[in-house]
Protein backbone atom coordinates (compact mmCIF):
# COMPACT_ATOMS: atom_id res chain seq x y z
CA UNK A 1 194.49 211.31 189.32
CA UNK A 2 197.21 210.89 186.81
CA UNK A 3 199.34 208.32 188.77
CA UNK A 4 201.66 207.93 185.74
CA UNK A 5 202.23 211.44 184.95
CA UNK A 6 204.14 213.99 186.69
CA UNK A 7 202.50 217.42 187.21
CA UNK A 8 205.24 218.93 185.59
CA UNK A 9 205.13 217.05 182.14
CA UNK A 10 201.29 217.49 182.86
CA UNK A 11 201.61 221.27 182.81
CA UNK A 12 203.98 221.19 179.83
CA UNK A 13 201.76 219.26 177.66
CA UNK A 14 198.58 221.29 178.31
CA UNK A 15 200.56 224.34 177.45
CA UNK A 16 201.36 222.98 174.27
CA UNK A 17 197.98 221.98 173.51
CA UNK A 18 196.73 225.49 174.43
CA UNK A 19 199.53 226.91 172.22
CA UNK A 20 198.40 225.35 169.30
CA UNK A 21 194.44 226.11 169.89
CA UNK A 22 195.78 229.70 170.10
CA UNK A 23 197.58 229.67 166.83
CA UNK A 24 194.24 228.50 165.24
CA UNK A 25 193.41 231.91 165.52
CA UNK A 26 195.39 232.89 162.23
CA UNK A 27 192.71 230.72 160.29
CA UNK A 28 189.81 233.07 161.66
CA UNK A 29 191.70 236.09 160.94
CA UNK A 30 192.95 234.71 157.57
CA UNK A 31 189.05 233.78 156.61
CA UNK A 32 187.95 237.32 157.85
CA UNK A 33 190.42 238.74 155.62
CA UNK A 34 189.69 237.29 152.87
CA UNK A 35 186.04 237.92 152.76
CA UNK A 36 186.88 241.59 153.48
CA UNK A 37 188.96 241.43 150.34
CA UNK A 38 186.18 240.02 148.12
CA UNK A 39 183.70 242.39 149.15
CA UNK A 40 185.75 245.21 148.64
CA UNK A 41 186.45 244.04 145.03
CA UNK A 42 183.17 243.55 144.69
CA UNK A 43 182.10 247.03 145.97
CA UNK A 44 184.52 248.74 143.95
CA UNK A 45 182.88 246.77 140.69
CA UNK A 46 179.87 248.32 141.57
CA UNK A 47 181.24 251.73 142.18
CA UNK A 48 184.40 252.92 140.86
CA UNK A 49 184.09 256.14 141.83
CA UNK A 50 184.22 255.39 145.68
CA UNK A 51 187.45 253.22 145.17
CA UNK A 52 189.49 255.47 147.75
CA UNK A 53 187.09 254.99 150.51
CA UNK A 54 186.05 251.40 149.74
CA UNK A 55 189.99 250.78 149.74
CA UNK A 56 190.38 252.82 153.17
CA UNK A 57 188.00 251.29 155.10
CA UNK A 58 188.86 247.52 153.86
CA UNK A 59 192.76 248.45 155.19
CA UNK A 60 191.46 249.51 158.55
CA UNK A 61 189.46 246.31 158.64
CA UNK A 62 192.08 244.04 157.56
CA UNK A 63 194.42 245.44 160.33
CA UNK A 64 192.16 245.26 162.88
CA UNK A 65 191.55 241.58 162.01
CA UNK A 66 194.97 240.72 161.91
CA UNK A 67 195.36 241.80 165.32
CA UNK A 68 193.40 239.05 166.86
CA UNK A 69 196.13 236.53 164.32
CA UNK A 70 199.23 238.39 165.92
CA UNK A 71 197.40 238.39 169.83
CA UNK A 72 197.29 234.35 169.05
CA UNK A 73 200.84 233.86 168.12
CA UNK A 74 201.96 235.93 170.98
CA UNK A 75 200.12 233.94 173.36
CA UNK A 76 201.30 230.84 171.96
CA UNK A 77 204.52 231.84 171.91
CA UNK A 78 204.34 232.86 175.76
CA UNK A 79 203.08 229.32 176.60
CA UNK A 80 205.42 227.76 174.90
CA UNK A 81 208.61 229.77 176.59
CA UNK A 82 207.87 230.62 179.89
CA UNK A 83 208.51 227.90 182.11
CA UNK A 84 205.83 227.83 185.07
CA UNK A 85 208.35 225.99 187.35
CA UNK A 86 211.40 228.13 187.12
CA UNK A 87 209.51 230.99 188.73
């Protein structure tokens, strides 16, 4: 199928592409956290007496959103560091 490319080079290239795609999960997490913070500020503006509950819920939601970005980073690091042909 790929006459000029060795299978090892092909796997390394695909690992690099997959790692770059995995890193893009950080963008989704950042957008989600920004939207959550914006909505929390709006909610506090409407009901200042519920500030503690709103902030606590926002921080919990942002922690969950951040884990997706961290998982993407871990997957990218694994794809770049693990050498599949040296097992």
